[in-house]
Amino acid sequence: MKKTIFLLFSALLLCGCQESFEDRCAREAKEFTTRRCPAYINSTTRIDSMTFSKESLTVCYYYTLSGAADNAMAIEQMNPRQTLLNEVKNSTALKAARDHGYNIRYVYRSETNKDKVLFETTFTEKDY
């Protein structure tokens, strides 16, 4: 009898320790930011951080643009929303987020004026 109770109690403890997918996303976003950010994607684009909001179920990437890319008018002419949407649709790294119907957000800031958002967009499940 004691053995059965011990096994049942152990099983309950193991079930209670499992991390939800939302908690896992938040943890992995924090770990990514700590270990890999900031990092240059190319000579004008730097990823500063990645976050996950459990409240809005949104994965968010924060970038800083410098040099020639630090220009809102030039960015608009490049149709960045469509380019990023194609990336979201084809990214294997975002497959789990897509499968769970999470929002995916991108924020690009100016290096010369940290408060200036050059471009931002959010993709929902309807988009991808």
N, C-alpha and C. Protein backbone atom coordinates (compact mmCIF):
# COMPACT_ATOMS: atom_id res chain seq x y z
N MET A 1 0.82 -1.20 0.00
CA MET A 1 0.00 0.00 0.00
C MET A 1 0.86 1.26 0.00
N LYS A 2 1.92 1.24 0.85
CA LYS A 2 2.80 2.39 0.91
C LYS A 2 3.48 2.62 -0.44
N LYS A 3 3.83 1.52 -1.09
CA LYS A 3 4.49 1.62 -2.39
C LYS A 3 3.56 2.26 -3.42
N THR A 4 2.29 1.89 -3.40
CA THR A 4 1.31 2.43 -4.34
C THR A 4 1.12 3.93 -4.10
N ILE A 5 1.00 4.31 -2.84
CA ILE A 5 0.83 5.73 -2.52
C ILE A 5 2.06 6.51 -2.95
N PHE A 6 3.25 5.95 -2.72
CA PHE A 6 4.48 6.61 -3.10
C PHE A 6 4.55 6.80 -4.62
N LEU A 7 4.19 5.76 -5.39
CA LEU A 7 4.20 5.86 -6.84
C LEU A 7 3.18 6.89 -7.34
N LEU A 8 2.00 6.90 -6.74
CA LEU A 8 0.98 7.86 -7.12
C LEU A 8 1.43 9.29 -6.81
N PHE A 9 2.00 9.49 -5.63
CA PHE A 9 2.50 10.81 -5.24
C PHE A 9 3.63 11.25 -6.17
N SER A 10 4.53 10.35 -6.52
CA SER A 10 5.62 10.67 -7.44
C SER A 10 5.09 11.06 -8.81
N ALA A 11 4.10 10.33 -9.28
CA ALA A 11 3.51 10.65 -10.59
C ALA A 11 2.84 12.03 -10.57
N LEU A 12 2.17 12.36 -9.50
CA LEU A 12 1.54 13.68 -9.38
C LEU A 12 2.59 14.79 -9.34
N LEU A 13 3.69 14.54 -8.66
CA LEU A 13 4.76 15.54 -8.62
C LEU A 13 5.35 15.77 -10.00
N LEU A 14 5.56 14.69 -10.73
CA LEU A 14 6.11 14.82 -12.08
C LEU A 14 5.16 15.56 -13.00
N CYS A 15 3.88 15.30 -12.89
CA CYS A 15 2.90 16.00 -13.72
C CYS A 15 2.85 17.48 -13.36
N GLY A 16 2.98 17.79 -12.09
CA GLY A 16 2.94 19.17 -11.64
C GLY A 16 4.15 19.97 -12.07
N CYS A 17 5.25 19.32 -12.40
CA CYS A 17 6.48 20.01 -12.77
C CYS A 17 6.55 20.31 -14.26
N GLN A 18 5.63 19.85 -15.03
CA GLN A 18 5.70 20.07 -16.47
C GLN A 18 5.41 21.54 -16.78
N GLU A 19 6.18 22.05 -17.70
CA GLU A 19 6.10 23.45 -18.10
C GLU A 19 5.07 23.59 -19.23
N SER A 20 4.23 24.61 -19.14
CA SER A 20 3.27 24.84 -20.21
C SER A 20 4.02 25.36 -21.44
N PHE A 21 3.37 25.27 -22.60
CA PHE A 21 4.02 25.73 -23.82
C PHE A 21 4.27 27.24 -23.75
N GLU A 22 3.33 27.98 -23.16
CA GLU A 22 3.50 29.43 -23.02
C GLU A 22 4.69 29.76 -22.12
N ASP A 23 4.82 29.02 -21.01
CA ASP A 23 5.96 29.23 -20.11
C ASP A 23 7.27 28.89 -20.82
N ARG A 24 7.24 27.84 -21.59
CA ARG A 24 8.44 27.44 -22.34
C ARG A 24 8.83 28.53 -23.35
N CYS A 25 7.85 29.09 -24.06
CA CYS A 25 8.14 30.16 -25.02
C CYS A 25 8.74 31.37 -24.34
N ALA A 26 8.19 31.74 -23.20
CA ALA A 26 8.71 32.90 -22.46
C ALA A 26 10.14 32.63 -21.99
N ARG A 27 10.38 31.43 -21.48
CA ARG A 27 11.72 31.07 -21.02
C ARG A 27 12.72 31.06 -22.17
N GLU A 28 12.34 30.45 -23.30
CA GLU A 28 13.26 30.37 -24.43
C GLU A 28 13.53 31.75 -25.04
N ALA A 29 12.55 32.62 -25.05
CA ALA A 29 12.76 33.99 -25.55
C ALA A 29 13.76 34.72 -24.66
N LYS A 30 13.60 34.56 -23.36
CA LYS A 30 14.52 35.20 -22.42
C LYS A 30 15.94 34.63 -22.57
N GLU A 31 16.04 33.31 -22.71
CA GLU A 31 17.35 32.69 -22.90
C GLU A 31 18.00 33.14 -24.22
N PHE A 32 17.21 33.24 -25.28
CA PHE A 32 17.73 33.70 -26.57
C PHE A 32 18.31 35.10 -26.42
N THR A 33 17.56 35.98 -25.78
CA THR A 33 18.00 37.36 -25.60
C THR A 33 19.28 37.41 -24.76
N THR A 34 19.33 36.63 -23.70
CA THR A 34 20.50 36.63 -22.83
C THR A 34 21.74 36.08 -23.52
N ARG A 35 21.59 35.02 -24.26
CA ARG A 35 22.73 34.34 -24.86
C ARG A 35 23.17 34.91 -26.21
N ARG A 36 22.23 35.40 -27.00
CA ARG A 36 22.56 35.74 -28.38
C ARG A 36 22.39 37.21 -28.77
N CYS A 37 21.86 38.01 -27.89
CA CYS A 37 21.61 39.41 -28.25
C CYS A 37 22.50 40.35 -27.47
N PRO A 38 22.87 41.45 -28.05
CA PRO A 38 22.60 41.86 -29.42
C PRO A 38 23.48 41.09 -30.40
N ALA A 39 22.99 40.94 -31.62
CA ALA A 39 23.74 40.24 -32.67
C ALA A 39 23.41 40.89 -34.01
N TYR A 40 24.44 41.07 -34.81
CA TYR A 40 24.23 41.67 -36.13
C TYR A 40 23.75 40.61 -37.12
N ILE A 41 22.66 40.92 -37.80
CA ILE A 41 22.12 40.08 -38.86
C ILE A 41 22.88 40.37 -40.15
N ASN A 42 23.14 41.65 -40.37
CA ASN A 42 23.98 42.13 -41.48
C ASN A 42 24.57 43.46 -41.05
N SER A 43 25.18 44.18 -41.96
CA SER A 43 25.89 45.40 -41.57
C SER A 43 24.97 46.52 -41.09
N THR A 44 23.68 46.45 -41.38
CA THR A 44 22.76 47.52 -40.98
C THR A 44 21.64 47.07 -40.05
N THR A 45 21.58 45.79 -39.72
CA THR A 45 20.48 45.27 -38.91
C THR A 45 21.02 44.48 -37.72
N ARG A 46 20.55 44.87 -36.53
CA ARG A 46 20.96 44.19 -35.30
C ARG A 46 19.71 43.73 -34.55
N ILE A 47 19.70 42.47 -34.12
CA ILE A 47 18.60 42.01 -33.28
C ILE A 47 18.99 42.31 -31.83
N ASP A 48 18.10 43.00 -31.14
CA ASP A 48 18.37 43.41 -29.77
C ASP A 48 17.76 42.48 -28.73
N SER A 49 16.58 41.95 -29.04
CA SER A 49 15.94 41.05 -28.09
C SER A 49 14.76 40.35 -28.73
N MET A 50 14.30 39.35 -28.01
CA MET A 50 13.10 38.59 -28.39
C MET A 50 12.30 38.42 -27.11
N THR A 51 11.00 38.62 -27.20
CA THR A 51 10.15 38.45 -26.02
C THR A 51 8.95 37.58 -26.38
N PHE A 52 8.30 37.08 -25.35
CA PHE A 52 7.04 36.37 -25.54
C PHE A 52 6.07 36.85 -24.47
N SER A 53 4.90 37.34 -24.89
CA SER A 53 3.87 37.77 -23.96
C SER A 53 2.84 36.66 -23.81
N LYS A 54 2.72 36.14 -22.60
CA LYS A 54 1.73 35.09 -22.36
C LYS A 54 0.31 35.65 -22.40
N GLU A 55 0.16 36.92 -22.08
CA GLU A 55 -1.16 37.54 -22.08
C GLU A 55 -1.72 37.66 -23.50
N SER A 56 -0.89 38.14 -24.42
CA SER A 56 -1.37 38.34 -25.80
C SER A 56 -0.93 37.23 -26.75
N LEU A 57 -0.17 36.26 -26.22
CA LEU A 57 0.37 35.15 -27.02
C LEU A 57 1.11 35.69 -28.26
N THR A 58 2.05 36.58 -27.99
CA THR A 58 2.80 37.24 -29.05
C THR A 58 4.30 37.05 -28.89
N VAL A 59 4.92 36.55 -29.95
CA VAL A 59 6.38 36.49 -30.04
C VAL A 59 6.80 37.80 -30.68
N CYS A 60 7.73 38.52 -30.06
CA CYS A 60 8.12 39.82 -30.59
C CYS A 60 9.64 39.89 -30.75
N TYR A 61 10.06 40.34 -31.92
CA TYR A 61 11.47 40.54 -32.22
C TYR A 61 11.74 42.03 -32.30
N TYR A 62 12.78 42.49 -31.59
CA TYR A 62 13.17 43.89 -31.60
C TYR A 62 14.51 44.04 -32.31
N TYR A 63 14.52 44.92 -33.30
CA TYR A 63 15.72 45.16 -34.10
C TYR A 63 16.09 46.63 -34.06
N THR A 64 17.37 46.92 -34.35
CA THR A 64 17.84 48.28 -34.54
C THR A 64 18.44 48.37 -35.93
N LEU A 65 18.06 49.41 -36.65
CA LEU A 65 18.60 49.63 -38.00
C LEU A 65 19.58 50.79 -37.96
N SER A 66 20.67 50.65 -38.72
CA SER A 66 21.69 51.69 -38.76
C SER A 66 22.10 51.98 -40.20
N GLY A 67 22.89 53.02 -40.38
CA GLY A 67 23.39 53.37 -41.71
C GLY A 67 22.26 53.68 -42.67
N ALA A 68 22.38 53.18 -43.89
CA ALA A 68 21.39 53.45 -44.94
C ALA A 68 20.01 52.90 -44.59
N ALA A 69 19.94 51.87 -43.78
CA ALA A 69 18.66 51.28 -43.41
C ALA A 69 17.91 52.11 -42.37
N ASP A 70 18.61 53.03 -41.73
CA ASP A 70 18.01 53.88 -40.70
C ASP A 70 17.25 55.03 -41.35
N ASN A 71 16.21 54.67 -42.13
CA ASN A 71 15.47 55.65 -42.91
C ASN A 71 14.05 55.12 -43.15
N ALA A 72 13.07 55.71 -42.49
CA ALA A 72 11.69 55.23 -42.57
C ALA A 72 11.14 55.24 -43.99
N MET A 73 11.48 56.26 -44.76
CA MET A 73 10.96 56.35 -46.13
C MET A 73 11.54 55.23 -47.01
N ALA A 74 12.80 54.92 -46.84
CA ALA A 74 13.41 53.84 -47.61
C ALA A 74 12.80 52.50 -47.24
N ILE A 75 12.51 52.32 -45.97
CA ILE A 75 11.91 51.07 -45.50
C ILE A 75 10.53 50.88 -46.13
N GLU A 76 9.72 51.92 -46.13
CA GLU A 76 8.37 51.84 -46.71
C GLU A 76 8.39 51.40 -48.16
N GLN A 77 9.35 51.87 -48.92
CA GLN A 77 9.44 51.55 -50.34
C GLN A 77 9.81 50.08 -50.58
N MET A 78 10.35 49.42 -49.57
CA MET A 78 10.80 48.04 -49.72
C MET A 78 9.69 47.02 -49.45
N ASN A 79 8.49 47.48 -49.05
CA ASN A 79 7.37 46.59 -48.73
C ASN A 79 7.78 45.55 -47.67
N PRO A 80 8.22 46.01 -46.50
CA PRO A 80 8.73 45.08 -45.48
C PRO A 80 7.69 44.13 -44.92
N ARG A 81 6.43 44.54 -44.86
CA ARG A 81 5.40 43.65 -44.30
C ARG A 81 5.29 42.37 -45.12
N GLN A 82 5.27 42.48 -46.44
CA GLN A 82 5.17 41.29 -47.29
C GLN A 82 6.42 40.43 -47.17
N THR A 83 7.58 41.05 -47.11
CA THR A 83 8.83 40.31 -46.96
C THR A 83 8.85 39.54 -45.65
N LEU A 84 8.45 40.20 -44.57
CA LEU A 84 8.42 39.54 -43.26
C LEU A 84 7.35 38.45 -43.22
N LEU A 85 6.20 38.69 -43.86
CA LEU A 85 5.15 37.66 -43.89
C LEU A 85 5.65 36.41 -44.58
N ASN A 86 6.36 36.56 -45.67
CA ASN A 86 6.93 35.39 -46.35
C ASN A 86 7.91 34.66 -45.43
N GLU A 87 8.68 35.42 -44.67
CA GLU A 87 9.61 34.81 -43.74
C GLU A 87 8.87 34.05 -42.65
N VAL A 88 7.81 34.64 -42.13
CA VAL A 88 7.00 33.98 -41.09
C VAL A 88 6.41 32.67 -41.63
N LYS A 89 5.88 32.72 -42.82
CA LYS A 89 5.26 31.53 -43.42
C LYS A 89 6.26 30.41 -43.67
N ASN A 90 7.50 30.76 -43.99
CA ASN A 90 8.50 29.76 -44.38
C ASN A 90 9.49 29.40 -43.29
N SER A 91 9.44 30.06 -42.16
CA SER A 91 10.42 29.84 -41.11
C SER A 91 10.13 28.58 -40.31
N THR A 92 11.09 27.69 -40.25
CA THR A 92 10.94 26.50 -39.42
C THR A 92 11.04 26.86 -37.95
N ALA A 93 11.77 27.93 -37.62
CA ALA A 93 11.92 28.36 -36.24
C ALA A 93 10.58 28.87 -35.67
N LEU A 94 9.70 29.33 -36.53
CA LEU A 94 8.41 29.86 -36.09
C LEU A 94 7.26 28.86 -36.27
N LYS A 95 7.57 27.65 -36.67
CA LYS A 95 6.52 26.66 -36.92
C LYS A 95 5.66 26.40 -35.67
N ALA A 96 6.29 26.22 -34.53
CA ALA A 96 5.53 25.95 -33.30
C ALA A 96 4.63 27.14 -32.96
N ALA A 97 5.12 28.35 -33.14
CA ALA A 97 4.29 29.54 -32.87
C ALA A 97 3.11 29.59 -33.82
N ARG A 98 3.36 29.29 -35.09
CA ARG A 98 2.26 29.26 -36.07
C ARG A 98 1.25 28.17 -35.71
N ASP A 99 1.75 26.99 -35.35
CA ASP A 99 0.87 25.87 -35.02
C ASP A 99 -0.04 26.18 -33.83
N HIS A 100 0.45 27.01 -32.91
CA HIS A 100 -0.35 27.39 -31.75
C HIS A 100 -1.17 28.66 -31.99
N GLY A 101 -1.07 29.22 -33.20
CA GLY A 101 -1.86 30.40 -33.53
C GLY A 101 -1.38 31.67 -32.87
N TYR A 102 -0.11 31.72 -32.49
CA TYR A 102 0.44 32.90 -31.82
C TYR A 102 0.62 34.06 -32.79
N ASN A 103 0.60 35.25 -32.24
CA ASN A 103 0.92 36.45 -33.00
C ASN A 103 2.44 36.57 -33.10
N ILE A 104 2.91 37.13 -34.20
CA ILE A 104 4.34 37.34 -34.39
C ILE A 104 4.53 38.81 -34.75
N ARG A 105 5.33 39.49 -33.95
CA ARG A 105 5.48 40.94 -34.08
C ARG A 105 6.93 41.29 -34.33
N TYR A 106 7.15 42.30 -35.16
CA TYR A 106 8.48 42.82 -35.45
C TYR A 106 8.50 44.32 -35.18
N VAL A 107 9.53 44.78 -34.50
CA VAL A 107 9.70 46.20 -34.22
C VAL A 107 11.12 46.59 -34.63
N TYR A 108 11.21 47.57 -35.52
CA TYR A 108 12.50 48.08 -35.99
C TYR A 108 12.66 49.52 -35.52
N ARG A 109 13.73 49.77 -34.77
CA ARG A 109 14.02 51.11 -34.25
C ARG A 109 15.24 51.71 -34.93
N SER A 110 15.32 53.01 -34.84
CA SER A 110 16.43 53.76 -35.40
C SER A 110 17.62 53.73 -34.44
N GLU A 111 18.82 53.57 -34.98
CA GLU A 111 20.01 53.62 -34.13
C GLU A 111 20.32 55.06 -33.72
N THR A 112 20.06 56.01 -34.60
CA THR A 112 20.37 57.41 -34.30
C THR A 112 19.37 58.03 -33.32
N ASN A 113 18.13 57.51 -33.29
CA ASN A 113 17.11 58.00 -32.38
C ASN A 113 16.40 56.79 -31.79
N LYS A 114 16.88 56.33 -30.65
CA LYS A 114 16.39 55.08 -30.04
C LYS A 114 14.88 55.05 -29.79
N ASP A 115 14.27 56.22 -29.64
CA ASP A 115 12.83 56.27 -29.38
C ASP A 115 12.00 56.18 -30.65
N LYS A 116 12.63 56.31 -31.80
CA LYS A 116 11.91 56.33 -33.07
C LYS A 116 11.73 54.91 -33.62
N VAL A 117 10.47 54.54 -33.80
CA VAL A 117 10.15 53.25 -34.42
C VAL A 117 10.05 53.49 -35.92
N LEU A 118 10.92 52.84 -36.67
CA LEU A 118 10.94 53.00 -38.12
C LEU A 118 9.86 52.15 -38.79
N PHE A 119 9.63 50.97 -38.21
CA PHE A 119 8.63 50.07 -38.79
C PHE A 119 8.23 49.06 -37.73
N GLU A 120 6.95 48.75 -37.68
CA GLU A 120 6.48 47.66 -36.82
C GLU A 120 5.26 47.03 -37.45
N THR A 121 5.14 45.75 -37.25
CA THR A 121 4.00 45.02 -37.78
C THR A 121 3.76 43.78 -36.94
N THR A 122 2.52 43.36 -36.92
CA THR A 122 2.13 42.14 -36.19
C THR A 122 1.35 41.24 -37.13
N PHE A 123 1.72 39.97 -37.13
CA PHE A 123 1.01 38.97 -37.93
C PHE A 123 0.19 38.10 -36.99
N THR A 124 -1.05 37.89 -37.36
CA THR A 124 -1.92 37.00 -36.59
C THR A 124 -2.12 35.72 -37.38
N GLU A 125 -2.84 34.81 -36.78
CA GLU A 125 -3.11 33.52 -37.42
C GLU A 125 -3.81 33.71 -38.77
N LYS A 126 -4.61 34.75 -38.91
CA LYS A 126 -5.29 35.02 -40.17
C LYS A 126 -4.30 35.35 -41.29
N ASP A 127 -3.18 35.94 -40.93
CA ASP A 127 -2.20 36.37 -41.93
C ASP A 127 -1.38 35.21 -42.52
N TYR A 128 -1.03 34.27 -41.68
CA TYR A 128 -0.14 33.21 -42.16
C TYR A 128 -0.89 31.91 -42.35
